[in-house]
């Protein structure tokens, strides 16, 4: 939790308090079967469980020399996008937007901005649908396994999902326009931004890149970074 003291738009002091203690997932998975690692590590976060599970799956497959099929890669990508929709809608509408509009919470905000809350719930439902159909449930997917899936979505369910997502696209574009109205350029600072880079718009595969033009493969990352248990 950050508590900044601001006087005439100048930050005078910032107190940073982290209430969450160490969780030691590295110790939890040690000595367990490699098959259990993806399901255990998804518990790192209930909001972004898919991201942690995908990272674990890729690590196990790399260690075992397993190359997933194109179908598996595509389904995982869509599943991961479902997790991103869940997470970003939650952050945008329920954590950020109340602050921008001057409310303490989304519940308080809902009295005068009922339509925005309805849009948020509808978009988040779209993420839940993706997770349910491809991952087996909306939180902590259960169908993703090392090398593939233990169950594949039915074609009829995929068709229904595509139709639903097309209908939700209007709300997604509306959200972009809403948040663009709050963009401000009040200060600048140098920072380090890191992301995956590939020929696709990737959140799963690619080299590790920074805006300072540093390029690292996942295999060489440990030689250029320090890891801490948090």
C-alpha atoms as a PDB file:
ATOM      1  CA  UNK A   1       0.000   0.000   0.000  1.00  0.00           C
ATOM      2  CA  UNK A   2       1.435   3.390  -0.999  1.00  0.00           C
ATOM      3  CA  UNK A   3       0.640   6.594   0.882  1.00  0.00           C
ATOM      4  CA  UNK A   4       1.954   9.648  -0.992  1.00  0.00           C
ATOM      5  CA  UNK A   5       1.874  13.120   0.544  1.00  0.00           C
ATOM      6  CA  UNK A   6       1.209  15.590  -2.281  1.00  0.00           C
ATOM      7  CA  UNK A   7       1.425  19.361  -1.850  1.00  0.00           C
ATOM      8  CA  UNK A   8       0.588  21.533  -4.868  1.00  0.00           C
ATOM      9  CA  UNK A   9       1.093  18.554  -7.206  1.00  0.00           C
ATOM     10  CA  UNK A  10       4.591  17.880  -5.819  1.00  0.00           C
ATOM     11  CA  UNK A  11       5.147  14.531  -4.104  1.00  0.00           C
ATOM     12  CA  UNK A  12       6.758  15.230  -0.723  1.00  0.00           C
ATOM     13  CA  UNK A  13       6.867  11.744   0.761  1.00  0.00           C
ATOM     14  CA  UNK A  14       5.821   8.177  -0.092  1.00  0.00           C
ATOM     15  CA  UNK A  15       5.398   5.340   2.418  1.00  0.00           C
ATOM     16  CA  UNK A  16       5.381   1.827   0.918  1.00  0.00           C
ATOM     17  CA  UNK A  17       3.924  -0.934   3.082  1.00  0.00           C
ATOM     18  CA  UNK A  18       3.699  -4.518   1.789  1.00  0.00           C
ATOM     19  CA  UNK A  19       1.324  -6.577   3.906  1.00  0.00           C
ATOM     20  CA  UNK A  20       1.744  -9.933   2.152  1.00  0.00           C
ATOM     21  CA  UNK A  21       4.382 -12.181   3.687  1.00  0.00           C
ATOM     22  CA  UNK A  22       6.614 -14.634   1.817  1.00  0.00           C
ATOM     23  CA  UNK A  23       4.706 -17.600   0.407  1.00  0.00           C
ATOM     24  CA  UNK A  24       7.599 -19.919  -0.532  1.00  0.00           C
ATOM     25  CA  UNK A  25       6.132 -21.573  -3.612  1.00  0.00           C
ATOM     26  CA  UNK A  26       9.673 -22.575  -4.568  1.00  0.00           C
ATOM     27  CA  UNK A  27       9.784 -24.707  -1.423  1.00  0.00           C
ATOM     28  CA  UNK A  28       6.251 -26.063  -1.905  1.00  0.00           C
ATOM     29  CA  UNK A  29       6.985 -27.599  -5.320  1.00  0.00           C
ATOM     30  CA  UNK A  30      10.377 -28.988  -4.301  1.00  0.00           C
ATOM     31  CA  UNK A  31      10.221 -32.777  -4.047  1.00  0.00           C
ATOM     32  CA  UNK A  32       6.772 -32.995  -5.660  1.00  0.00           C
ATOM     33  CA  UNK A  33       6.034 -34.701  -8.981  1.00  0.00           C
ATOM     34  CA  UNK A  34       6.742 -32.540 -12.024  1.00  0.00           C
ATOM     35  CA  UNK A  35       3.132 -33.160 -13.084  1.00  0.00           C
ATOM     36  CA  UNK A  36       1.891 -31.286 -10.007  1.00  0.00           C
ATOM     37  CA  UNK A  37       3.961 -28.131 -10.561  1.00  0.00           C
ATOM     38  CA  UNK A  38       1.587 -26.360 -13.011  1.00  0.00           C
ATOM     39  CA  UNK A  39      -1.445 -26.867 -10.752  1.00  0.00           C
ATOM     40  CA  UNK A  40       0.431 -25.807  -7.615  1.00  0.00           C
ATOM     41  CA  UNK A  41       1.983 -22.689  -9.128  1.00  0.00           C
ATOM     42  CA  UNK A  42      -1.357 -21.479 -10.494  1.00  0.00           C
ATOM     43  CA  UNK A  43      -2.242 -20.843  -6.830  1.00  0.00           C
ATOM     44  CA  UNK A  44       0.284 -18.015  -6.720  1.00  0.00           C
ATOM     45  CA  UNK A  45      -2.599 -15.765  -7.752  1.00  0.00           C
ATOM     46  CA  UNK A  46      -6.316 -16.326  -8.218  1.00  0.00           C
ATOM     47  CA  UNK A  47      -6.587 -13.366 -10.596  1.00  0.00           C
ATOM     48  CA  UNK A  48      -3.763 -14.350 -12.972  1.00  0.00           C
ATOM     49  CA  UNK A  49      -3.597 -18.096 -12.322  1.00  0.00           C
ATOM     50  CA  UNK A  50      -3.310 -18.889 -16.042  1.00  0.00           C
ATOM     51  CA  UNK A  51      -0.097 -16.891 -16.449  1.00  0.00           C
ATOM     52  CA  UNK A  52       1.620 -18.771 -13.622  1.00  0.00           C
ATOM     53  CA  UNK A  53       0.380 -22.107 -14.915  1.00  0.00           C
ATOM     54  CA  UNK A  54       1.617 -21.375 -18.454  1.00  0.00           C
ATOM     55  CA  UNK A  55       5.051 -20.409 -17.143  1.00  0.00           C
ATOM     56  CA  UNK A  56       5.272 -23.674 -15.216  1.00  0.00           C
ATOM     57  CA  UNK A  57       4.076 -25.759 -18.188  1.00  0.00           C
ATOM     58  CA  UNK A  58       6.654 -24.182 -20.484  1.00  0.00           C
ATOM     59  CA  UNK A  59       9.441 -24.704 -17.939  1.00  0.00           C
ATOM     60  CA  UNK A  60       8.564 -28.393 -17.540  1.00  0.00           C
ATOM     61  CA  UNK A  61       8.276 -28.959 -21.286  1.00  0.00           C
ATOM     62  CA  UNK A  62      11.599 -27.249 -21.914  1.00  0.00           C
ATOM     63  CA  UNK A  63      13.290 -29.400 -19.272  1.00  0.00           C
ATOM     64  CA  UNK A  64      11.753 -32.602 -20.697  1.00  0.00           C
ATOM     65  CA  UNK A  65      12.351 -31.721 -24.354  1.00  0.00           C
ATOM     66  CA  UNK A  66       8.638 -31.712 -25.202  1.00  0.00           C
ATOM     67  CA  UNK A  67       7.336 -29.598 -28.094  1.00  0.00           C
ATOM     68  CA  UNK A  68       3.564 -28.985 -27.909  1.00  0.00           C
ATOM     69  CA  UNK A  69       1.498 -29.277 -31.089  1.00  0.00           C
ATOM     70  CA  UNK A  70       0.337 -26.144 -32.971  1.00  0.00           C
ATOM     71  CA  UNK A  71      -3.208 -26.858 -31.741  1.00  0.00           C
ATOM     72  CA  UNK A  72      -2.048 -26.942 -28.119  1.00  0.00           C
ATOM     73  CA  UNK A  73      -0.133 -23.687 -28.543  1.00  0.00           C
ATOM     74  CA  UNK A  74      -3.140 -21.949 -30.067  1.00  0.00           C
ATOM     75  CA  UNK A  75      -5.552 -23.161 -27.377  1.00  0.00           C
ATOM     76  CA  UNK A  76      -3.133 -22.076 -24.662  1.00  0.00           C
ATOM     77  CA  UNK A  77      -2.833 -18.658 -26.247  1.00  0.00           C
ATOM     78  CA  UNK A  78      -6.617 -18.212 -26.286  1.00  0.00           C
ATOM     79  CA  UNK A  79      -6.858 -19.495 -22.708  1.00  0.00           C
ATOM     80  CA  UNK A  80      -4.187 -17.042 -21.612  1.00  0.00           C
ATOM     81  CA  UNK A  81      -6.086 -14.222 -23.328  1.00  0.00           C
ATOM     82  CA  UNK A  82      -9.130 -15.223 -21.285  1.00  0.00           C
ATOM     83  CA  UNK A  83      -7.076 -14.773 -18.138  1.00  0.00           C
ATOM     84  CA  UNK A  84      -5.886 -11.374 -19.350  1.00  0.00           C
ATOM     85  CA  UNK A  85      -9.474 -10.281 -19.996  1.00  0.00           C
ATOM     86  CA  UNK A  86     -10.461 -11.346 -16.475  1.00  0.00           C
ATOM     87  CA  UNK A  87      -7.510  -9.601 -14.874  1.00  0.00           C
ATOM     88  CA  UNK A  88      -7.546  -6.371 -16.879  1.00  0.00           C
ATOM     89  CA  UNK A  89     -11.299  -5.849 -16.617  1.00  0.00           C
ATOM     90  CA  UNK A  90     -11.096  -6.350 -12.864  1.00  0.00           C
ATOM     91  CA  UNK A  91      -8.208  -3.896 -12.542  1.00  0.00           C
ATOM     92  CA  UNK A  92      -9.671  -1.297 -14.916  1.00  0.00           C
ATOM     93  CA  UNK A  93     -13.230  -1.154 -13.602  1.00  0.00           C
ATOM     94  CA  UNK A  94     -12.955  -2.220  -9.974  1.00  0.00           C
ATOM     95  CA  UNK A  95      -9.528  -0.946  -8.895  1.00  0.00           C
ATOM     96  CA  UNK A  96      -8.607   1.990 -11.154  1.00  0.00           C
ATOM     97  CA  UNK A  97     -11.884   3.528 -12.334  1.00  0.00           C
ATOM     98  CA  UNK A  98     -13.293   4.333  -8.857  1.00  0.00           C
ATOM     99  CA  UNK A  99     -10.127   6.350  -8.151  1.00  0.00           C
ATOM    100  CA  UNK A 100     -10.423   8.260 -11.421  1.00  0.00           C
ATOM    101  CA  UNK A 101     -14.067   9.074 -10.735  1.00  0.00           C
ATOM    102  CA  UNK A 102     -13.512   9.987  -7.087  1.00  0.00           C
ATOM    103  CA  UNK A 103     -15.057   6.992  -5.304  1.00  0.00           C
ATOM    104  CA  UNK A 104     -13.704   4.742  -2.572  1.00  0.00           C
ATOM    105  CA  UNK A 105     -14.912   1.555  -4.256  1.00  0.00           C
ATOM    106  CA  UNK A 106     -16.766   0.137  -7.236  1.00  0.00           C
ATOM    107  CA  UNK A 107     -19.759  -0.520  -4.963  1.00  0.00           C
ATOM    108  CA  UNK A 108     -19.962   3.171  -4.108  1.00  0.00           C
ATOM    109  CA  UNK A 109     -19.421   4.078  -7.770  1.00  0.00           C
ATOM    110  CA  UNK A 110     -22.221   1.787  -8.965  1.00  0.00           C
ATOM    111  CA  UNK A 111     -24.965   4.087  -7.655  1.00  0.00           C
ATOM    112  CA  UNK A 112     -24.274   6.686 -10.357  1.00  0.00           C
ATOM    113  CA  UNK A 113     -22.410   4.555 -12.895  1.00  0.00           C
ATOM    114  CA  UNK A 114     -24.542   1.425 -13.112  1.00  0.00           C
ATOM    115  CA  UNK A 115     -23.963   0.991 -16.865  1.00  0.00           C
ATOM    116  CA  UNK A 116     -20.186   0.937 -16.406  1.00  0.00           C
ATOM    117  CA  UNK A 117     -20.470  -1.801 -13.789  1.00  0.00           C
ATOM    118  CA  UNK A 118     -22.774  -3.812 -16.068  1.00  0.00           C
ATOM    119  CA  UNK A 119     -20.247  -3.480 -18.901  1.00  0.00           C
ATOM    120  CA  UNK A 120     -17.476  -4.620 -16.579  1.00  0.00           C
ATOM    121  CA  UNK A 121     -19.387  -7.701 -15.458  1.00  0.00           C
ATOM    122  CA  UNK A 122     -20.271  -8.565 -19.057  1.00  0.00           C
ATOM    123  CA  UNK A 123     -16.639  -8.298 -20.188  1.00  0.00           C
ATOM    124  CA  UNK A 124     -15.376 -10.279 -17.219  1.00  0.00           C
ATOM    125  CA  UNK A 125     -17.967 -12.927 -18.018  1.00  0.00           C
ATOM    126  CA  UNK A 126     -16.377 -13.205 -21.475  1.00  0.00           C
ATOM    127  CA  UNK A 127     -13.036 -14.021 -19.859  1.00  0.00           C
ATOM    128  CA  UNK A 128     -14.751 -16.561 -17.614  1.00  0.00           C
ATOM    129  CA  UNK A 129     -16.355 -18.236 -20.645  1.00  0.00           C
ATOM    130  CA  UNK A 130     -12.969 -18.671 -22.325  1.00  0.00           C
ATOM    131  CA  UNK A 131     -11.482 -20.121 -19.151  1.00  0.00           C
ATOM    132  CA  UNK A 132     -14.402 -22.494 -18.612  1.00  0.00           C
ATOM    133  CA  UNK A 133     -14.558 -23.826 -22.163  1.00  0.00           C
ATOM    134  CA  UNK A 134     -10.818 -24.266 -22.747  1.00  0.00           C
ATOM    135  CA  UNK A 135      -9.420 -24.541 -19.226  1.00  0.00           C
ATOM    136  CA  UNK A 136     -12.185 -26.529 -17.553  1.00  0.00           C
ATOM    137  CA  UNK A 137     -13.127 -23.837 -15.017  1.00  0.00           C
ATOM    138  CA  UNK A 138     -12.868 -20.075 -14.611  1.00  0.00           C
ATOM    139  CA  UNK A 139     -10.114 -20.058 -11.960  1.00  0.00           C
ATOM    140  CA  UNK A 140      -7.059 -22.333 -11.770  1.00  0.00           C
ATOM    141  CA  UNK A 141      -7.540 -24.242 -15.071  1.00  0.00           C
ATOM    142  CA  UNK A 142      -7.580 -28.024 -14.765  1.00  0.00           C
ATOM    143  CA  UNK A 143      -7.442 -29.261 -18.380  1.00  0.00           C
ATOM    144  CA  UNK A 144      -3.927 -27.956 -19.206  1.00  0.00           C
ATOM    145  CA  UNK A 145      -1.308 -30.655 -18.898  1.00  0.00           C
ATOM    146  CA  UNK A 146       2.364 -30.984 -19.788  1.00  0.00           C
ATOM    147  CA  UNK A 147       2.449 -31.571 -23.541  1.00  0.00           C
ATOM    148  CA  UNK A 148      -1.203 -30.731 -24.193  1.00  0.00           C
ATOM    149  CA  UNK A 149      -4.688 -31.009 -22.704  1.00  0.00           C
ATOM    150  CA  UNK A 150      -6.497 -33.895 -21.012  1.00  0.00           C
ATOM    151  CA  UNK A 151      -9.750 -32.688 -22.579  1.00  0.00           C
ATOM    152  CA  UNK A 152     -10.404 -30.531 -25.627  1.00  0.00           C
ATOM    153  CA  UNK A 153     -13.282 -28.067 -26.031  1.00  0.00           C
ATOM    154  CA  UNK A 154     -16.214 -29.168 -28.179  1.00  0.00           C
ATOM    155  CA  UNK A 155     -16.632 -27.503 -31.558  1.00  0.00           C
ATOM    156  CA  UNK A 156     -20.136 -26.345 -30.646  1.00  0.00           C
ATOM    157  CA  UNK A 157     -18.804 -24.651 -27.497  1.00  0.00           C
ATOM    158  CA  UNK A 158     -16.066 -22.915 -29.494  1.00  0.00           C
ATOM    159  CA  UNK A 159     -18.621 -21.587 -31.990  1.00  0.00           C
ATOM    160  CA  UNK A 160     -20.785 -20.231 -29.165  1.00  0.00           C
ATOM    161  CA  UNK A 161     -17.703 -18.642 -27.608  1.00  0.00           C
ATOM    162  CA  UNK A 162     -16.726 -16.911 -30.861  1.00  0.00           C
ATOM    163  CA  UNK A 163     -20.244 -15.503 -31.206  1.00  0.00           C
ATOM    164  CA  UNK A 164     -20.220 -14.267 -27.616  1.00  0.00           C
ATOM    165  CA  UNK A 165     -16.810 -12.601 -27.984  1.00  0.00           C
ATOM    166  CA  UNK A 166     -17.897 -10.789 -31.139  1.00  0.00           C
ATOM    167  CA  UNK A 167     -20.835  -9.365 -29.204  1.00  0.00           C
ATOM    168  CA  UNK A 168     -18.534  -8.240 -26.363  1.00  0.00           C
ATOM    169  CA  UNK A 169     -16.113  -6.465 -28.713  1.00  0.00           C
ATOM    170  CA  UNK A 170     -18.265  -3.334 -28.640  1.00  0.00           C
ATOM    171  CA  UNK A 171     -17.883  -3.125 -24.863  1.00  0.00           C
ATOM    172  CA  UNK A 172     -14.118  -3.612 -25.096  1.00  0.00           C
ATOM    173  CA  UNK A 173     -13.809  -0.710 -27.550  1.00  0.00           C
ATOM    174  CA  UNK A 174     -16.060   1.369 -25.295  1.00  0.00           C
ATOM    175  CA  UNK A 175     -13.707   0.652 -22.396  1.00  0.00           C
ATOM    176  CA  UNK A 176     -10.721   1.905 -24.387  1.00  0.00           C
ATOM    177  CA  UNK A 177     -12.479   5.171 -25.145  1.00  0.00           C
ATOM    178  CA  UNK A 178     -13.500   5.530 -21.501  1.00  0.00           C
ATOM    179  CA  UNK A 179      -9.970   5.102 -20.135  1.00  0.00           C
ATOM    180  CA  UNK A 180      -8.377   7.266 -22.832  1.00  0.00           C
ATOM    181  CA  UNK A 181     -10.213  10.186 -21.298  1.00  0.00           C
ATOM    182  CA  UNK A 182      -8.180   9.846 -18.097  1.00  0.00           C
ATOM    183  CA  UNK A 183      -4.725   9.830 -19.712  1.00  0.00           C
ATOM    184  CA  UNK A 184      -2.488  12.598 -18.417  1.00  0.00           C
ATOM    185  CA  UNK A 185       1.160  13.435 -18.886  1.00  0.00           C
ATOM    186  CA  UNK A 186       2.043  14.928 -15.525  1.00  0.00           C
ATOM    187  CA  UNK A 187       5.565  13.604 -15.059  1.00  0.00           C
ATOM    188  CA  UNK A 188       8.259  11.607 -16.816  1.00  0.00           C
ATOM    189  CA  UNK A 189      10.931   9.268 -15.532  1.00  0.00           C
ATOM    190  CA  UNK A 190      13.352   6.754 -16.940  1.00  0.00           C
ATOM    191  CA  UNK A 191      12.300   3.193 -16.306  1.00  0.00           C
ATOM    192  CA  UNK A 192      12.939  -0.330 -17.518  1.00  0.00           C
ATOM    193  CA  UNK A 193      10.157  -2.041 -19.447  1.00  0.00           C
ATOM    194  CA  UNK A 194      10.459  -5.755 -20.232  1.00  0.00           C
ATOM    195  CA  UNK A 195       8.233  -7.872 -22.474  1.00  0.00           C
ATOM    196  CA  UNK A 196       8.249 -10.877 -24.770  1.00  0.00           C
ATOM    197  CA  UNK A 197       8.979 -10.173 -28.416  1.00  0.00           C
ATOM    198  CA  UNK A 198       8.100 -12.408 -31.349  1.00  0.00           C
ATOM    199  CA  UNK A 199       6.488 -12.210 -34.769  1.00  0.00           C
ATOM    200  CA  UNK A 200       3.112 -12.481 -33.030  1.00  0.00           C
ATOM    201  CA  UNK A 201       1.537 -10.334 -30.309  1.00  0.00           C
ATOM    202  CA  UNK A 202       2.805 -12.761 -27.740  1.00  0.00           C
ATOM    203  CA  UNK A 203       2.383 -13.234 -24.025  1.00  0.00           C
ATOM    204  CA  UNK A 204       3.654 -16.823 -24.089  1.00  0.00           C
ATOM    205  CA  UNK A 205       6.508 -17.288 -26.595  1.00  0.00           C
ATOM    206  CA  UNK A 206       9.395 -15.128 -27.729  1.00  0.00           C
ATOM    207  CA  UNK A 207      12.656 -13.580 -26.629  1.00  0.00           C
ATOM    208  CA  UNK A 208      12.861 -11.298 -23.605  1.00  0.00           C
ATOM    209  CA  UNK A 209      13.262  -7.704 -24.776  1.00  0.00           C
ATOM    210  CA  UNK A 210      13.638  -4.309 -23.125  1.00  0.00           C
ATOM    211  CA  UNK A 211      13.023  -0.855 -24.520  1.00  0.00           C
ATOM    212  CA  UNK A 212      16.788  -0.302 -24.212  1.00  0.00           C
ATOM    213  CA  UNK A 213      17.221  -2.843 -27.015  1.00  0.00           C
ATOM    214  CA  UNK A 214      18.510  -5.632 -24.769  1.00  0.00           C
ATOM    215  CA  UNK A 215      17.530  -9.033 -26.181  1.00  0.00           C
ATOM    216  CA  UNK A 216      17.749 -12.217 -24.100  1.00  0.00           C
ATOM    217  CA  UNK A 217      16.627 -15.778 -24.684  1.00  0.00           C
ATOM    218  CA  UNK A 218      14.865 -17.488 -21.756  1.00  0.00           C
ATOM    219  CA  UNK A 219      17.884 -19.808 -21.466  1.00  0.00           C
ATOM    220  CA  UNK A 220      20.291 -16.906 -20.830  1.00  0.00           C
ATOM    221  CA  UNK A 221      18.037 -14.856 -18.532  1.00  0.00           C
ATOM    222  CA  UNK A 222      19.537 -16.226 -15.302  1.00  0.00           C
ATOM    223  CA  UNK A 223      22.966 -14.893 -16.290  1.00  0.00           C
ATOM    224  CA  UNK A 224      21.633 -11.341 -16.549  1.00  0.00           C
ATOM    225  CA  UNK A 225      19.272 -11.109 -13.586  1.00  0.00           C
ATOM    226  CA  UNK A 226      18.937 -11.747  -9.872  1.00  0.00           C
ATOM    227  CA  UNK A 227      16.138 -13.833  -8.403  1.00  0.00           C
ATOM    228  CA  UNK A 228      14.549 -13.279  -5.009  1.00  0.00           C
ATOM    229  CA  UNK A 229      11.992 -15.298  -3.069  1.00  0.00           C
ATOM    230  CA  UNK A 230       9.074 -12.945  -2.390  1.00  0.00           C
END
